[in-house]
N, C-alpha and C. Protein backbone atom coordinates (compact mmCIF):
# COMPACT_ATOMS: atom_id res chain seq x y z
N GLN A 1 0.84 -1.19 0.00
CA GLN A 1 0.00 0.00 0.00
C GLN A 1 0.88 1.25 0.00
N VAL A 2 0.50 2.21 -0.83
CA VAL A 2 1.30 3.42 -0.96
C VAL A 2 0.98 4.38 0.17
N HIS A 3 2.03 4.96 0.73
CA HIS A 3 1.87 5.97 1.78
C HIS A 3 2.73 7.17 1.44
N LEU A 4 2.19 8.35 1.71
CA LEU A 4 2.97 9.58 1.67
C LEU A 4 3.06 10.06 3.11
N VAL A 5 4.26 10.02 3.65
CA VAL A 5 4.47 10.35 5.06
C VAL A 5 4.99 11.78 5.15
N GLU A 6 4.20 12.63 5.79
CA GLU A 6 4.55 14.04 5.92
C GLU A 6 5.04 14.34 7.33
N SER A 7 5.88 15.34 7.43
CA SER A 7 6.32 15.80 8.75
C SER A 7 6.77 17.25 8.65
N GLY A 8 6.87 17.91 9.79
CA GLY A 8 7.44 19.24 9.83
C GLY A 8 6.48 20.37 10.10
N GLY A 9 5.19 20.09 10.19
CA GLY A 9 4.26 21.17 10.50
C GLY A 9 4.38 21.61 11.94
N GLY A 10 3.63 22.65 12.29
CA GLY A 10 3.65 23.12 13.66
C GLY A 10 3.17 24.54 13.79
N LEU A 11 3.47 25.13 14.95
CA LEU A 11 3.08 26.50 15.25
C LEU A 11 4.31 27.38 15.22
N VAL A 12 4.21 28.51 14.53
CA VAL A 12 5.34 29.42 14.41
C VAL A 12 4.82 30.85 14.42
N GLN A 13 5.63 31.77 14.85
CA GLN A 13 5.24 33.17 14.83
C GLN A 13 5.42 33.75 13.43
N SER A 14 4.70 34.80 13.17
CA SER A 14 4.82 35.50 11.89
C SER A 14 6.27 35.90 11.66
N GLY A 15 6.75 35.64 10.44
CA GLY A 15 8.14 35.89 10.09
C GLY A 15 9.05 34.70 10.30
N GLY A 16 8.54 33.67 10.92
CA GLY A 16 9.34 32.47 11.19
C GLY A 16 9.41 31.53 10.01
N SER A 17 10.05 30.40 10.24
CA SER A 17 10.27 29.42 9.18
C SER A 17 9.89 28.02 9.64
N LEU A 18 9.48 27.21 8.67
CA LEU A 18 9.23 25.79 8.88
C LEU A 18 9.69 25.04 7.64
N ARG A 19 9.99 23.76 7.83
CA ARG A 19 10.36 22.91 6.70
C ARG A 19 9.52 21.65 6.74
N LEU A 20 8.77 21.43 5.66
CA LEU A 20 7.94 20.24 5.54
C LEU A 20 8.68 19.18 4.73
N SER A 21 8.46 17.93 5.10
CA SER A 21 9.04 16.80 4.38
C SER A 21 7.94 15.84 3.97
N CYS A 22 8.15 15.15 2.85
CA CYS A 22 7.18 14.17 2.36
C CYS A 22 7.95 13.03 1.72
N ALA A 23 7.71 11.82 2.21
CA ALA A 23 8.38 10.65 1.66
C ALA A 23 7.35 9.65 1.15
N VAL A 24 7.58 9.13 -0.04
CA VAL A 24 6.70 8.13 -0.64
C VAL A 24 7.22 6.74 -0.28
N SER A 25 6.34 5.89 0.17
CA SER A 25 6.73 4.52 0.48
C SER A 25 5.67 3.55 0.00
N GLY A 26 6.06 2.30 -0.18
CA GLY A 26 5.10 1.27 -0.52
C GLY A 26 4.90 1.06 -2.00
N THR A 27 5.76 1.66 -2.82
CA THR A 27 5.63 1.48 -4.26
C THR A 27 7.00 1.57 -4.92
N THR A 28 7.12 0.86 -6.03
CA THR A 28 8.34 0.98 -6.82
C THR A 28 8.14 1.89 -8.02
N LEU A 29 6.92 2.42 -8.16
CA LEU A 29 6.63 3.32 -9.27
C LEU A 29 7.35 4.63 -9.06
N ARG A 30 7.90 5.18 -10.15
CA ARG A 30 8.60 6.46 -10.05
C ARG A 30 7.59 7.59 -10.12
N THR A 31 7.73 8.54 -9.22
CA THR A 31 6.88 9.72 -9.28
C THR A 31 7.44 10.70 -10.30
N ASP A 32 6.54 11.40 -10.99
CA ASP A 32 6.99 12.43 -11.91
C ASP A 32 6.95 13.79 -11.24
N THR A 33 5.78 14.16 -10.72
CA THR A 33 5.63 15.45 -10.06
C THR A 33 5.28 15.23 -8.59
N MET A 34 6.00 15.92 -7.72
CA MET A 34 5.66 15.96 -6.30
C MET A 34 5.38 17.41 -5.93
N GLY A 35 4.47 17.58 -5.00
CA GLY A 35 4.14 18.95 -4.66
C GLY A 35 3.39 19.07 -3.35
N TRP A 36 3.08 20.31 -3.04
CA TRP A 36 2.36 20.64 -1.82
C TRP A 36 1.14 21.48 -2.16
N TYR A 37 0.05 21.16 -1.52
CA TYR A 37 -1.19 21.91 -1.61
C TYR A 37 -1.59 22.26 -0.18
N ARG A 38 -2.47 23.25 -0.04
CA ARG A 38 -2.93 23.60 1.30
C ARG A 38 -4.41 23.94 1.28
N GLN A 39 -5.02 23.76 2.45
CA GLN A 39 -6.44 24.09 2.58
C GLN A 39 -6.66 24.77 3.92
N ALA A 40 -7.12 26.00 3.85
CA ALA A 40 -7.45 26.76 5.04
C ALA A 40 -8.93 26.55 5.37
N PRO A 41 -9.33 26.77 6.62
CA PRO A 41 -10.74 26.57 6.99
C PRO A 41 -11.67 27.40 6.13
N GLY A 42 -12.69 26.75 5.58
CA GLY A 42 -13.67 27.43 4.77
C GLY A 42 -13.23 27.75 3.36
N LYS A 43 -12.05 27.29 2.99
CA LYS A 43 -11.54 27.57 1.64
C LYS A 43 -11.25 26.27 0.89
N GLU A 44 -11.11 26.38 -0.43
CA GLU A 44 -10.79 25.22 -1.23
C GLU A 44 -9.29 24.92 -1.15
N ARG A 45 -8.97 23.68 -1.45
CA ARG A 45 -7.56 23.30 -1.50
C ARG A 45 -6.89 24.02 -2.67
N GLU A 46 -5.69 24.55 -2.43
CA GLU A 46 -4.99 25.29 -3.47
C GLU A 46 -3.55 24.81 -3.60
N LEU A 47 -3.01 25.00 -4.80
CA LEU A 47 -1.63 24.62 -5.06
C LEU A 47 -0.69 25.58 -4.32
N VAL A 48 0.37 25.03 -3.75
CA VAL A 48 1.42 25.84 -3.14
C VAL A 48 2.67 25.79 -4.01
N ALA A 49 3.15 24.59 -4.27
CA ALA A 49 4.36 24.44 -5.08
C ALA A 49 4.44 23.01 -5.60
N THR A 50 4.99 22.85 -6.81
CA THR A 50 5.23 21.53 -7.37
C THR A 50 6.61 21.50 -8.00
N MET A 51 7.12 20.29 -8.15
CA MET A 51 8.43 20.12 -8.79
C MET A 51 8.44 18.79 -9.53
N THR A 52 8.86 18.83 -10.79
CA THR A 52 8.94 17.61 -11.58
C THR A 52 10.26 16.89 -11.31
N ARG A 53 10.31 15.65 -11.76
CA ARG A 53 11.54 14.88 -11.59
C ARG A 53 12.70 15.55 -12.30
N ARG A 54 12.41 16.26 -13.39
CA ARG A 54 13.47 16.92 -14.15
C ARG A 54 13.88 18.25 -13.53
N GLY A 55 13.14 18.71 -12.52
CA GLY A 55 13.57 19.90 -11.82
C GLY A 55 12.75 21.16 -12.10
N THR A 56 11.68 21.05 -12.86
CA THR A 56 10.85 22.21 -13.13
C THR A 56 9.98 22.52 -11.92
N ARG A 57 10.06 23.75 -11.46
CA ARG A 57 9.31 24.17 -10.27
C ARG A 57 8.17 25.12 -10.64
N ASN A 58 7.11 25.06 -9.86
CA ASN A 58 5.96 25.93 -10.05
C ASN A 58 5.48 26.37 -8.67
N TYR A 59 5.23 27.67 -8.52
CA TYR A 59 4.81 28.22 -7.22
C TYR A 59 3.54 29.04 -7.37
N ALA A 60 2.74 29.04 -6.33
CA ALA A 60 1.64 29.98 -6.26
C ALA A 60 2.21 31.37 -6.08
N ASP A 61 1.56 32.37 -6.67
CA ASP A 61 2.05 33.74 -6.57
C ASP A 61 2.21 34.18 -5.12
N SER A 62 1.34 33.70 -4.26
CA SER A 62 1.34 34.16 -2.87
C SER A 62 2.56 33.69 -2.08
N VAL A 63 3.28 32.69 -2.59
CA VAL A 63 4.44 32.17 -1.84
C VAL A 63 5.76 32.38 -2.56
N LYS A 64 5.72 32.93 -3.77
CA LYS A 64 6.96 33.15 -4.52
C LYS A 64 7.90 34.05 -3.73
N GLY A 65 9.17 33.67 -3.69
CA GLY A 65 10.16 34.43 -2.96
C GLY A 65 10.24 34.09 -1.49
N ARG A 66 9.29 33.32 -0.98
CA ARG A 66 9.30 32.95 0.44
C ARG A 66 9.43 31.44 0.64
N PHE A 67 8.83 30.66 -0.25
CA PHE A 67 8.87 29.20 -0.15
C PHE A 67 9.78 28.63 -1.22
N ALA A 68 10.39 27.48 -0.91
CA ALA A 68 11.23 26.79 -1.89
C ALA A 68 11.00 25.29 -1.80
N ILE A 69 10.71 24.70 -2.95
CA ILE A 69 10.48 23.26 -3.00
C ILE A 69 11.74 22.58 -3.54
N SER A 70 12.04 21.41 -2.99
CA SER A 70 13.17 20.62 -3.48
C SER A 70 12.79 19.14 -3.34
N ARG A 71 13.58 18.28 -3.97
CA ARG A 71 13.28 16.86 -3.87
C ARG A 71 14.54 16.04 -4.10
N VAL A 72 14.51 14.83 -3.60
CA VAL A 72 15.57 13.85 -3.83
C VAL A 72 14.92 12.72 -4.61
N ASN A 73 15.19 12.67 -5.90
CA ASN A 73 14.50 11.72 -6.77
C ASN A 73 14.75 10.27 -6.36
N ALA A 74 15.98 9.97 -5.97
CA ALA A 74 16.33 8.59 -5.65
C ALA A 74 15.50 8.05 -4.47
N HIS A 75 15.04 8.96 -3.63
CA HIS A 75 14.28 8.55 -2.45
C HIS A 75 12.81 8.93 -2.54
N ASP A 76 12.41 9.53 -3.68
CA ASP A 76 11.04 10.01 -3.82
C ASP A 76 10.62 10.80 -2.58
N THR A 77 11.44 11.75 -2.23
CA THR A 77 11.19 12.60 -1.07
C THR A 77 11.18 14.05 -1.52
N ALA A 78 10.24 14.82 -1.01
CA ALA A 78 10.13 16.23 -1.34
C ALA A 78 10.15 17.06 -0.06
N TYR A 79 10.63 18.28 -0.22
CA TYR A 79 10.72 19.20 0.91
C TYR A 79 10.12 20.55 0.53
N LEU A 80 9.58 21.23 1.51
CA LEU A 80 9.08 22.59 1.30
C LEU A 80 9.66 23.46 2.40
N GLN A 81 10.60 24.32 2.05
CA GLN A 81 11.15 25.28 2.98
C GLN A 81 10.29 26.53 2.95
N MET A 82 9.73 26.89 4.09
CA MET A 82 8.82 28.03 4.16
C MET A 82 9.44 29.09 5.06
N ASN A 83 9.76 30.23 4.47
CA ASN A 83 10.37 31.35 5.20
C ASN A 83 9.43 32.53 5.23
N ASN A 84 9.67 33.43 6.16
CA ASN A 84 8.86 34.64 6.29
C ASN A 84 7.37 34.30 6.29
N LEU A 85 7.01 33.36 7.13
CA LEU A 85 5.62 32.90 7.18
C LEU A 85 4.69 34.00 7.66
N LYS A 86 3.48 34.00 7.12
CA LYS A 86 2.47 34.98 7.45
C LYS A 86 1.23 34.26 8.00
N PRO A 87 0.41 34.97 8.77
CA PRO A 87 -0.81 34.34 9.30
C PRO A 87 -1.68 33.73 8.20
N GLU A 88 -1.69 34.34 7.02
CA GLU A 88 -2.50 33.80 5.93
C GLU A 88 -1.95 32.50 5.35
N ASP A 89 -0.77 32.09 5.78
CA ASP A 89 -0.24 30.79 5.37
C ASP A 89 -0.80 29.66 6.24
N THR A 90 -1.53 30.00 7.27
CA THR A 90 -2.11 28.99 8.14
C THR A 90 -3.08 28.10 7.37
N ALA A 91 -2.82 26.79 7.43
CA ALA A 91 -3.64 25.83 6.68
C ALA A 91 -3.15 24.42 6.98
N VAL A 92 -3.88 23.45 6.50
CA VAL A 92 -3.39 22.07 6.47
C VAL A 92 -2.67 21.89 5.14
N TYR A 93 -1.44 21.44 5.20
CA TYR A 93 -0.63 21.25 4.00
C TYR A 93 -0.60 19.77 3.63
N TYR A 94 -0.89 19.51 2.36
CA TYR A 94 -0.96 18.14 1.86
C TYR A 94 0.12 17.89 0.82
N CYS A 95 0.80 16.79 0.96
CA CYS A 95 1.76 16.36 -0.04
C CYS A 95 1.03 15.59 -1.14
N ASN A 96 1.49 15.76 -2.36
CA ASN A 96 0.88 15.10 -3.52
C ASN A 96 1.96 14.51 -4.40
N ALA A 97 1.72 13.31 -4.90
CA ALA A 97 2.67 12.65 -5.79
C ALA A 97 1.92 12.11 -7.00
N LYS A 98 2.43 12.44 -8.18
CA LYS A 98 1.79 12.00 -9.43
C LYS A 98 2.77 11.24 -10.29
N GLY A 99 2.23 10.28 -11.06
CA GLY A 99 3.04 9.58 -12.04
C GLY A 99 3.07 10.35 -13.34
N SER A 100 3.68 9.76 -14.35
CA SER A 100 3.80 10.42 -15.65
C SER A 100 2.57 10.12 -16.49
N VAL A 101 2.51 10.73 -17.69
CA VAL A 101 1.39 10.48 -18.59
C VAL A 101 1.41 9.03 -19.09
N TYR A 102 2.57 8.39 -19.04
CA TYR A 102 2.69 7.01 -19.49
C TYR A 102 2.35 6.04 -18.37
N ASN A 103 2.42 6.49 -17.16
CA ASN A 103 2.14 5.66 -15.98
C ASN A 103 1.43 6.51 -14.95
N PRO A 104 0.17 6.82 -15.22
CA PRO A 104 -0.53 7.78 -14.36
C PRO A 104 -0.98 7.19 -13.03
N PHE A 105 -0.75 7.93 -12.00
CA PHE A 105 -1.29 7.64 -10.68
C PHE A 105 -1.22 8.93 -9.88
N GLU A 106 -1.91 8.95 -8.75
CA GLU A 106 -1.89 10.12 -7.88
C GLU A 106 -2.16 9.69 -6.45
N TYR A 107 -1.34 10.19 -5.55
CA TYR A 107 -1.50 9.88 -4.13
C TYR A 107 -1.42 11.17 -3.32
N TRP A 108 -2.13 11.16 -2.18
CA TRP A 108 -2.13 12.31 -1.27
C TRP A 108 -1.66 11.87 0.11
N GLY A 109 -0.98 12.77 0.79
CA GLY A 109 -0.64 12.55 2.18
C GLY A 109 -1.82 12.86 3.08
N GLN A 110 -1.64 12.61 4.36
CA GLN A 110 -2.73 12.80 5.32
C GLN A 110 -2.87 14.25 5.74
N GLY A 111 -1.89 15.07 5.46
CA GLY A 111 -1.94 16.49 5.80
C GLY A 111 -1.21 16.79 7.09
N THR A 112 -0.60 17.95 7.13
CA THR A 112 0.09 18.41 8.34
C THR A 112 -0.30 19.87 8.59
N GLN A 113 -0.61 20.19 9.84
CA GLN A 113 -1.11 21.52 10.17
C GLN A 113 0.05 22.50 10.31
N VAL A 114 -0.10 23.64 9.66
CA VAL A 114 0.82 24.77 9.82
C VAL A 114 0.01 25.94 10.35
N THR A 115 0.41 26.46 11.49
CA THR A 115 -0.29 27.60 12.10
C THR A 115 0.71 28.71 12.33
N VAL A 116 0.40 29.89 11.79
CA VAL A 116 1.26 31.05 11.94
C VAL A 116 0.52 32.09 12.77
N SER A 117 1.10 32.42 13.90
CA SER A 117 0.47 33.41 14.79
C SER A 117 1.01 34.80 14.50
N SER A 118 0.14 35.77 14.69
CA SER A 118 0.55 37.16 14.40
C SER A 118 1.18 37.82 15.62
């Protein structure tokens, strides 16, 4: 059974930093795109950042210049470094892993809470 194991959430003051980690286990399938999405109370889930196996990164406008996504392909592990956090970044953050167009699949993590106090 495939699992996406997330860690690194927590409570931080405005202007602080957190680093989220996501590791894929339980499959030998190679992921193509790994990324992070978030959902705040009363809002829809939104994209935060994604990164392809080849290294192409995509960020939401609201986090550009503050967040950085990276990954270790050999371990199917992704990281999200979040700096200069703001109260509006408060949400549950979900890791996502997708296969390629030739081998499509998609998995979600259980979510990790990030709370930024003002």
